[in-house]
Amino acid sequence: MKKLLIASALSFGLVSIGALAQEETEAIGKPGDPNQVSRIVEITAVDNRFKPDEIKVKQGETIKFLITNLGKKKHEMMIGTAEEIDKHGKMLKKHPDHAHPDQPDMVSIEPGKTGELVWHFTEAGVVDFACPLPGHFKGMNFPGMKGTITVGAK
């Protein structure tokens, strides 16, 4: 019974964090429709960075990010504010062995594999992306697996 309660609490927490991240990032974008992709942006993940780490898109575009993991460890790409990414990273640090499903603003990629994330950019501005896994992302002001997406106005 105790294990069931703990598992339920963890699942609820993960769903809540995913919902929060999706709501907050809607200021600059939202999950995109795979049938409405404007263009594809290819990103390479290695064990200490993303290439490229600066991406430019236009307001109104729906981008399919194809992320290829050339590293030796599992990586994720999450789109959000620095605070959202940091919050998710802290949750992963507390529960490192707990698997979580991909969310609309995040994708997990095993070594040697390619994952995709489709995002519709509704507003001009700058949004962050990073790998929130423990030890991969150390905050937006420190080295680590992170980058920025600049959304130009129409």
Protein backbone atom coordinates (compact mmCIF):
# COMPACT_ATOMS: atom_id res chain seq x y z
CA MET A 1 0.00 0.00 0.00
CA LYS A 2 2.83 2.39 0.90
CA LYS A 3 4.54 1.75 -2.47
CA LEU A 4 1.28 2.47 -4.29
CA LEU A 5 0.87 5.80 -2.49
CA ILE A 6 4.45 6.81 -3.28
CA ALA A 7 4.10 5.82 -6.95
CA SER A 8 0.84 7.77 -7.19
CA ALA A 9 2.39 10.87 -5.63
CA LEU A 10 5.39 10.72 -8.00
CA SER A 11 3.16 10.28 -11.05
CA PHE A 12 0.95 13.20 -9.99
CA GLY A 13 4.02 15.39 -9.49
CA LEU A 14 5.38 14.59 -12.95
CA VAL A 15 2.03 15.30 -14.61
CA SER A 16 1.74 18.59 -12.69
CA ILE A 17 5.24 19.72 -13.71
CA GLY A 18 4.54 18.86 -17.36
CA ALA A 19 1.26 20.78 -17.33
CA LEU A 20 2.93 23.77 -15.67
CA ALA A 21 5.75 23.83 -18.23
CA GLN A 22 3.28 23.70 -21.12
CA GLU A 23 1.15 26.54 -19.68
CA GLU A 24 4.07 28.86 -18.93
CA THR A 25 5.85 28.45 -22.27
CA GLU A 26 2.68 29.27 -24.21
CA ALA A 27 3.71 32.93 -23.88
CA ILE A 28 6.16 32.29 -26.74
CA GLY A 29 4.81 29.08 -28.20
CA LYS A 30 2.96 25.83 -27.82
CA PRO A 31 3.15 22.24 -29.04
CA GLY A 32 2.99 22.20 -32.83
CA ASP A 33 0.95 20.14 -35.25
CA PRO A 34 3.28 17.66 -37.03
CA ASN A 35 1.16 18.15 -40.18
CA GLN A 36 1.82 21.93 -40.19
CA VAL A 37 5.65 21.95 -40.01
CA SER A 38 7.22 25.02 -41.65
CA ARG A 39 10.74 23.61 -41.62
CA ILE A 40 13.07 21.16 -39.91
CA VAL A 41 15.97 22.21 -37.68
CA GLU A 42 18.59 19.53 -36.99
CA ILE A 43 20.40 19.56 -33.65
CA THR A 44 23.23 17.31 -32.49
CA ALA A 45 23.53 16.43 -28.81
CA VAL A 46 26.91 15.34 -27.50
CA ASP A 47 27.85 14.70 -23.89
CA ASN A 48 28.46 18.34 -23.04
CA ARG A 49 26.60 20.56 -25.53
CA PHE A 50 24.06 21.02 -28.30
CA LYS A 51 25.12 22.02 -31.81
CA PRO A 52 23.90 24.53 -32.75
CA ASP A 53 23.17 26.21 -29.44
CA GLU A 54 21.66 29.33 -31.03
CA ILE A 55 18.64 28.94 -33.30
CA LYS A 56 16.65 31.60 -35.13
CA VAL A 57 13.01 31.11 -36.13
CA LYS A 58 10.17 33.40 -37.16
CA GLN A 59 6.97 34.12 -35.31
CA GLY A 60 4.25 31.85 -36.68
CA GLU A 61 6.61 29.05 -37.72
CA THR A 62 6.07 25.46 -36.65
CA ILE A 63 9.48 23.85 -36.32
CA LYS A 64 10.28 20.15 -36.21
CA PHE A 65 13.47 19.78 -34.21
CA LEU A 66 15.35 16.58 -35.07
CA ILE A 67 17.78 15.91 -32.24
CA THR A 68 20.47 13.28 -32.84
CA ASN A 69 22.30 12.03 -29.77
CA LEU A 70 25.92 11.35 -30.69
CA GLY A 71 26.93 11.12 -27.04
CA LYS A 72 27.38 8.09 -24.81
CA LYS A 73 24.62 9.09 -22.35
CA LYS A 74 20.88 9.63 -22.64
CA HIS A 75 19.97 13.28 -23.28
CA GLU A 76 16.82 15.37 -23.35
CA MET A 77 15.85 18.56 -25.08
CA MET A 78 13.36 20.73 -23.20
CA ILE A 79 12.00 24.07 -24.43
CA GLY A 80 11.06 26.52 -21.67
CA THR A 81 12.17 29.30 -19.39
CA ALA A 82 15.36 28.88 -17.39
CA GLU A 83 13.19 28.49 -14.29
CA GLU A 84 11.09 25.70 -15.85
CA ILE A 85 14.16 23.83 -17.03
CA ASP A 86 15.84 24.22 -13.64
CA LYS A 87 12.70 23.04 -11.81
CA HIS A 88 12.44 19.95 -14.02
CA GLY A 89 16.15 19.24 -13.51
CA LYS A 90 15.76 19.40 -9.73
CA MET A 91 12.84 16.94 -9.91
CA LEU A 92 14.99 14.56 -11.99
CA LYS A 93 17.84 14.88 -9.50
CA LYS A 94 15.52 13.84 -6.64
CA HIS A 95 14.20 10.86 -8.65
CA PRO A 96 17.04 9.83 -11.03
CA ASP A 97 15.75 6.33 -11.73
CA HIS A 98 12.15 7.33 -12.35
CA ALA A 99 11.30 7.16 -16.06
CA HIS A 100 8.99 9.83 -17.39
CA PRO A 101 7.23 10.05 -20.72
CA ASP A 102 8.08 12.62 -23.36
CA GLN A 103 6.02 15.77 -22.99
CA PRO A 104 4.99 18.32 -25.63
CA ASP A 105 7.89 20.61 -24.60
CA MET A 106 10.49 17.86 -24.12
CA VAL A 107 11.93 14.74 -25.76
CA SER A 108 14.33 12.07 -24.43
CA ILE A 109 16.94 10.63 -26.78
CA GLU A 110 18.99 7.49 -26.15
CA PRO A 111 22.62 7.34 -27.40
CA GLY A 112 22.81 6.81 -31.15
CA LYS A 113 19.13 7.66 -31.66
CA THR A 114 17.23 10.63 -33.08
CA GLY A 115 14.17 12.17 -31.44
CA GLU A 116 11.83 14.90 -32.57
CA LEU A 117 10.00 17.77 -30.96
CA VAL A 118 7.47 19.92 -32.86
CA TRP A 119 6.90 23.45 -31.57
CA HIS A 120 4.77 26.35 -32.87
CA PHE A 121 6.26 29.76 -32.08
CA THR A 122 3.40 32.21 -31.51
CA GLU A 123 5.24 35.24 -30.10
CA ALA A 124 8.47 37.08 -30.83
CA GLY A 125 11.16 36.85 -28.15
CA VAL A 126 13.76 34.47 -26.78
CA VAL A 127 13.15 31.04 -25.23
CA ASP A 128 15.67 28.60 -23.79
CA PHE A 129 16.30 24.94 -24.49
CA ALA A 130 18.44 22.60 -22.44
CA CYS A 131 19.05 19.04 -21.29
CA PRO A 132 17.64 19.04 -17.73
CA LEU A 133 19.17 15.68 -16.77
CA PRO A 134 21.34 15.82 -13.61
CA GLY A 135 24.84 17.06 -14.40
CA HIS A 136 23.97 18.04 -18.00
CA PHE A 137 22.41 21.45 -17.28
CA LYS A 138 23.95 23.68 -14.65
CA GLY A 139 21.74 26.76 -15.03
CA MET A 140 21.56 29.30 -17.83
CA ASN A 141 24.60 31.24 -16.51
CA PHE A 142 26.94 28.24 -16.39
CA PRO A 143 28.42 25.87 -19.00
CA GLY A 144 26.31 22.90 -19.91
CA MET A 145 23.86 21.55 -22.43
CA LYS A 146 21.77 24.61 -23.21
CA GLY A 147 20.92 27.07 -25.93
CA THR A 148 18.54 29.79 -27.03
CA ILE A 149 15.87 30.10 -29.68
CA THR A 150 15.32 33.64 -30.92
CA VAL A 151 11.89 34.17 -32.41
CA GLY A 152 11.83 37.10 -34.85
CA ALA A 153 8.66 39.15 -35.31
CA LYS A 154 6.61 38.63 -38.49
